[in-house]
Amino acid sequence: MPKTIDDNSFERRANHLLRSIRLCGGCIPLHSLQCQVSNSVIQTLLDKELVQVQNTGHGFLLEVAEDF
């Protein structure tokens, strides 16, 4: 089945988020993304093991997976 326009848009948003995290030093506070990025985009990157969530004790960081 060929990708639809929505699938391409979703992949672009996921790739954009991954690039943004890298530009911010490899991690970004998860709460800062809640209004900007859908949970499904974050979940897709987590499922692909491209990012991971770290509990700092003061909040959660979304960071680029070290083995990536």
C-alpha atoms as a PDB file:
ATOM      1  CA  MET A   1       0.000   0.000   0.000  1.00  0.00           C
ATOM      2  CA  PRO A   2       1.519   3.370  -0.983  1.00  0.00           C
ATOM      3  CA  LYS A   3       2.033   6.016   1.646  1.00  0.00           C
ATOM      4  CA  THR A   4      -0.604   8.700   1.840  1.00  0.00           C
ATOM      5  CA  ILE A   5      -0.003  12.392   2.264  1.00  0.00           C
ATOM      6  CA  ASP A   6      -0.843  12.058   5.982  1.00  0.00           C
ATOM      7  CA  ASP A   7       1.823   9.355   6.432  1.00  0.00           C
ATOM      8  CA  ASN A   8       4.433  11.579   4.788  1.00  0.00           C
ATOM      9  CA  SER A   9       3.413  14.506   6.955  1.00  0.00           C
ATOM     10  CA  PHE A  10       3.613  12.345  10.074  1.00  0.00           C
ATOM     11  CA  GLU A  11       7.111  11.119   9.131  1.00  0.00           C
ATOM     12  CA  ARG A  12       8.223  14.706   8.497  1.00  0.00           C
ATOM     13  CA  ARG A  13       6.994  15.762  11.951  1.00  0.00           C
ATOM     14  CA  ALA A  14       8.819  12.835  13.573  1.00  0.00           C
ATOM     15  CA  ASN A  15      12.044  13.625  11.687  1.00  0.00           C
ATOM     16  CA  HIS A  16      11.722  17.312  12.542  1.00  0.00           C
ATOM     17  CA  LEU A  17      11.343  16.487  16.241  1.00  0.00           C
ATOM     18  CA  LEU A  18      14.393  14.231  16.142  1.00  0.00           C
ATOM     19  CA  ARG A  19      16.482  16.974  14.479  1.00  0.00           C
ATOM     20  CA  SER A  20      15.216  19.521  17.005  1.00  0.00           C
ATOM     21  CA  ILE A  21      16.255  17.320  19.923  1.00  0.00           C
ATOM     22  CA  ARG A  22      19.725  16.914  18.425  1.00  0.00           C
ATOM     23  CA  LEU A  23      20.060  20.685  17.943  1.00  0.00           C
ATOM     24  CA  CYS A  24      19.128  21.226  21.609  1.00  0.00           C
ATOM     25  CA  GLY A  25      22.077  19.159  22.765  1.00  0.00           C
ATOM     26  CA  GLY A  26      20.493  15.732  22.516  1.00  0.00           C
ATOM     27  CA  CYS A  27      17.724  16.152  25.064  1.00  0.00           C
ATOM     28  CA  ILE A  28      14.711  18.326  25.715  1.00  0.00           C
ATOM     29  CA  PRO A  29      12.248  18.539  28.630  1.00  0.00           C
ATOM     30  CA  LEU A  30       9.214  16.458  27.775  1.00  0.00           C
ATOM     31  CA  HIS A  31       6.788  19.012  29.212  1.00  0.00           C
ATOM     32  CA  SER A  32       8.009  21.612  26.713  1.00  0.00           C
ATOM     33  CA  LEU A  33       6.814  19.448  23.812  1.00  0.00           C
ATOM     34  CA  GLN A  34       3.269  18.762  24.970  1.00  0.00           C
ATOM     35  CA  CYS A  35       1.744  21.771  23.221  1.00  0.00           C
ATOM     36  CA  GLN A  36       3.914  21.543  20.100  1.00  0.00           C
ATOM     37  CA  VAL A  37       4.088  17.832  19.216  1.00  0.00           C
ATOM     38  CA  SER A  38       1.431  15.137  19.280  1.00  0.00           C
ATOM     39  CA  ASN A  39       1.901  12.196  21.605  1.00  0.00           C
ATOM     40  CA  SER A  40       1.732   9.820  18.629  1.00  0.00           C
ATOM     41  CA  VAL A  41       4.834  11.423  17.078  1.00  0.00           C
ATOM     42  CA  ILE A  42       6.752  11.027  20.339  1.00  0.00           C
ATOM     43  CA  GLN A  43       5.483   7.457  20.730  1.00  0.00           C
ATOM     44  CA  THR A  44       6.613   6.583  17.192  1.00  0.00           C
ATOM     45  CA  LEU A  45      10.169   7.735  17.948  1.00  0.00           C
ATOM     46  CA  LEU A  46      10.085   5.756  21.197  1.00  0.00           C
ATOM     47  CA  ASP A  47       8.821   2.640  19.383  1.00  0.00           C
ATOM     48  CA  LYS A  48      11.601   2.941  16.810  1.00  0.00           C
ATOM     49  CA  GLU A  49      14.044   3.298  19.740  1.00  0.00           C
ATOM     50  CA  LEU A  50      15.420   6.546  18.327  1.00  0.00           C
ATOM     51  CA  VAL A  51      14.716   8.422  21.562  1.00  0.00           C
ATOM     52  CA  GLN A  52      14.312   7.492  25.200  1.00  0.00           C
ATOM     53  CA  VAL A  53      12.727   9.095  28.238  1.00  0.00           C
ATOM     54  CA  GLN A  54      14.861   9.818  31.277  1.00  0.00           C
ATOM     55  CA  ASN A  55      13.425  10.606  34.709  1.00  0.00           C
ATOM     56  CA  THR A  56      15.612  13.280  36.290  1.00  0.00           C
ATOM     57  CA  GLY A  57      13.730  13.404  39.576  1.00  0.00           C
ATOM     58  CA  HIS A  58      12.525  16.888  38.667  1.00  0.00           C
ATOM     59  CA  GLY A  59      10.848  16.003  35.404  1.00  0.00           C
ATOM     60  CA  PHE A  60      11.289  13.931  32.290  1.00  0.00           C
ATOM     61  CA  LEU A  61      13.726  14.444  29.429  1.00  0.00           C
ATOM     62  CA  LEU A  62      13.260  13.158  25.911  1.00  0.00           C
ATOM     63  CA  GLU A  63      16.722  12.367  24.632  1.00  0.00           C
ATOM     64  CA  VAL A  64      18.296  10.839  21.560  1.00  0.00           C
ATOM     65  CA  ALA A  65      19.061   7.167  22.200  1.00  0.00           C
ATOM     66  CA  GLU A  66      22.771   6.696  22.858  1.00  0.00           C
ATOM     67  CA  ASP A  67      23.131   3.678  20.589  1.00  0.00           C
ATOM     68  CA  PHE A  68      21.600   5.548  17.634  1.00  0.00           C
END
